[in-house]
Amino acid sequence: MTDQELQQKVEDALNEIRPFLQSDGGDIALLGIDEGTTVRVQLEGACVGCSVNQMTLKSGVEMTIKKHAPQIESVINVEA
């Protein structure tokens, strides 16, 4: 899989979960993919100060991304 194909799969995954984040006043942005295994994202809006954002990141975002791109090992949130 090319880097471009991997990025598209990750974007597809984010688009799948984005409506749930937006319904709570938040959003998520893809910052990059390191070495084809680590996705860097930035939680935005209400998600920034939310006390459950780490749970959202692991159980929602990471799980969805891995469903679309199984080679991804981890998803990390980069604080603004």
C-alpha atoms as a PDB file:
ATOM      1  CA  MET A   1       0.000   0.000   0.000  1.00  0.00           C
ATOM      2  CA  THR A   2       1.384   3.418  -0.916  1.00  0.00           C
ATOM      3  CA  ASP A   3       1.622   6.283   1.562  1.00  0.00           C
ATOM      4  CA  GLN A   4      -1.163   8.034  -0.341  1.00  0.00           C
ATOM      5  CA  GLU A   5      -3.447   4.983  -0.132  1.00  0.00           C
ATOM      6  CA  LEU A   6      -2.741   4.643   3.592  1.00  0.00           C
ATOM      7  CA  GLN A   7      -3.511   8.314   4.171  1.00  0.00           C
ATOM      8  CA  GLN A   8      -6.794   7.926   2.278  1.00  0.00           C
ATOM      9  CA  LYS A   9      -7.772   4.912   4.414  1.00  0.00           C
ATOM     10  CA  VAL A  10      -7.023   6.874   7.597  1.00  0.00           C
ATOM     11  CA  GLU A  11      -9.038   9.851   6.280  1.00  0.00           C
ATOM     12  CA  ASP A  12     -11.918   7.467   5.484  1.00  0.00           C
ATOM     13  CA  ALA A  13     -11.788   6.202   9.075  1.00  0.00           C
ATOM     14  CA  LEU A  14     -11.776   9.750  10.462  1.00  0.00           C
ATOM     15  CA  ASN A  15     -14.716  10.650   8.237  1.00  0.00           C
ATOM     16  CA  GLU A  16     -16.588   7.678   9.695  1.00  0.00           C
ATOM     17  CA  ILE A  17     -16.196   8.899  13.276  1.00  0.00           C
ATOM     18  CA  ARG A  18     -16.195  12.651  12.652  1.00  0.00           C
ATOM     19  CA  PRO A  19     -20.024  13.002  12.882  1.00  0.00           C
ATOM     20  CA  PHE A  20     -19.951  11.573  16.433  1.00  0.00           C
ATOM     21  CA  LEU A  21     -17.271  14.050  17.494  1.00  0.00           C
ATOM     22  CA  GLN A  22     -19.036  16.941  15.790  1.00  0.00           C
ATOM     23  CA  SER A  23     -22.318  16.099  17.514  1.00  0.00           C
ATOM     24  CA  ASP A  24     -20.504  16.837  20.797  1.00  0.00           C
ATOM     25  CA  GLY A  25     -19.003  20.077  19.471  1.00  0.00           C
ATOM     26  CA  GLY A  26     -15.609  18.621  18.609  1.00  0.00           C
ATOM     27  CA  ASP A  27     -13.645  17.450  15.606  1.00  0.00           C
ATOM     28  CA  ILE A  28     -10.404  15.721  14.665  1.00  0.00           C
ATOM     29  CA  ALA A  29      -7.647  16.542  12.207  1.00  0.00           C
ATOM     30  CA  LEU A  30      -5.050  14.229  10.695  1.00  0.00           C
ATOM     31  CA  LEU A  31      -1.588  15.687  11.232  1.00  0.00           C
ATOM     32  CA  GLY A  32       0.433  12.881   9.723  1.00  0.00           C
ATOM     33  CA  ILE A  33       1.408   9.234   9.631  1.00  0.00           C
ATOM     34  CA  ASP A  34       4.857   8.318  10.944  1.00  0.00           C
ATOM     35  CA  GLU A  35       6.674   5.332   9.433  1.00  0.00           C
ATOM     36  CA  GLY A  36       3.365   3.896   8.231  1.00  0.00           C
ATOM     37  CA  THR A  37       2.418   2.735  11.729  1.00  0.00           C
ATOM     38  CA  THR A  38       1.684   5.738  13.964  1.00  0.00           C
ATOM     39  CA  VAL A  39      -1.095   8.190  13.217  1.00  0.00           C
ATOM     40  CA  ARG A  40      -0.815  11.699  14.659  1.00  0.00           C
ATOM     41  CA  VAL A  41      -4.123  13.499  15.122  1.00  0.00           C
ATOM     42  CA  GLN A  42      -5.288  16.632  16.857  1.00  0.00           C
ATOM     43  CA  LEU A  43      -8.569  16.707  18.710  1.00  0.00           C
ATOM     44  CA  GLU A  44     -10.365  20.013  18.207  1.00  0.00           C
ATOM     45  CA  GLY A  45     -13.198  22.050  19.670  1.00  0.00           C
ATOM     46  CA  ALA A  46     -14.971  20.553  22.667  1.00  0.00           C
ATOM     47  CA  CYS A  47     -12.777  17.443  22.429  1.00  0.00           C
ATOM     48  CA  VAL A  48      -9.712  19.407  23.565  1.00  0.00           C
ATOM     49  CA  GLY A  49     -10.810  19.886  27.165  1.00  0.00           C
ATOM     50  CA  CYS A  50     -12.958  16.785  27.417  1.00  0.00           C
ATOM     51  CA  SER A  51     -12.046  14.464  30.266  1.00  0.00           C
ATOM     52  CA  VAL A  52     -12.848  11.367  28.206  1.00  0.00           C
ATOM     53  CA  ASN A  53     -10.788  12.305  25.144  1.00  0.00           C
ATOM     54  CA  GLN A  54      -8.155   9.609  25.814  1.00  0.00           C
ATOM     55  CA  MET A  55     -10.892   6.994  25.983  1.00  0.00           C
ATOM     56  CA  THR A  56     -12.424   8.412  22.800  1.00  0.00           C
ATOM     57  CA  LEU A  57      -9.021   8.334  21.143  1.00  0.00           C
ATOM     58  CA  LYS A  58      -8.291   4.701  22.041  1.00  0.00           C
ATOM     59  CA  SER A  59     -11.695   3.043  21.861  1.00  0.00           C
ATOM     60  CA  GLY A  60     -13.227   5.103  19.079  1.00  0.00           C
ATOM     61  CA  VAL A  61     -10.598   6.689  16.867  1.00  0.00           C
ATOM     62  CA  GLU A  62      -7.846   4.080  17.080  1.00  0.00           C
ATOM     63  CA  MET A  63     -10.238   1.155  16.709  1.00  0.00           C
ATOM     64  CA  THR A  64     -11.878   2.698  13.639  1.00  0.00           C
ATOM     65  CA  ILE A  65      -8.547   3.551  12.009  1.00  0.00           C
ATOM     66  CA  LYS A  66      -7.238   0.010  12.604  1.00  0.00           C
ATOM     67  CA  LYS A  67     -10.388  -1.380  11.004  1.00  0.00           C
ATOM     68  CA  HIS A  68      -9.600   0.585   7.827  1.00  0.00           C
ATOM     69  CA  ALA A  69      -5.798   0.242   8.014  1.00  0.00           C
ATOM     70  CA  PRO A  70      -4.733  -2.776  10.121  1.00  0.00           C
ATOM     71  CA  GLN A  71      -1.023  -1.922   9.825  1.00  0.00           C
ATOM     72  CA  ILE A  72      -1.514   1.105  12.073  1.00  0.00           C
ATOM     73  CA  GLU A  73      -0.132   0.325  15.527  1.00  0.00           C
ATOM     74  CA  SER A  74      -1.057   3.449  17.462  1.00  0.00           C
ATOM     75  CA  VAL A  75      -2.874   6.763  17.318  1.00  0.00           C
ATOM     76  CA  ILE A  76      -1.560   9.701  19.303  1.00  0.00           C
ATOM     77  CA  ASN A  77      -3.147  13.064  20.006  1.00  0.00           C
ATOM     78  CA  VAL A  78      -0.845  16.045  19.526  1.00  0.00           C
ATOM     79  CA  GLU A  79      -1.845  18.903  21.815  1.00  0.00           C
ATOM     80  CA  ALA A  80      -2.202  22.302  20.179  1.00  0.00           C
END
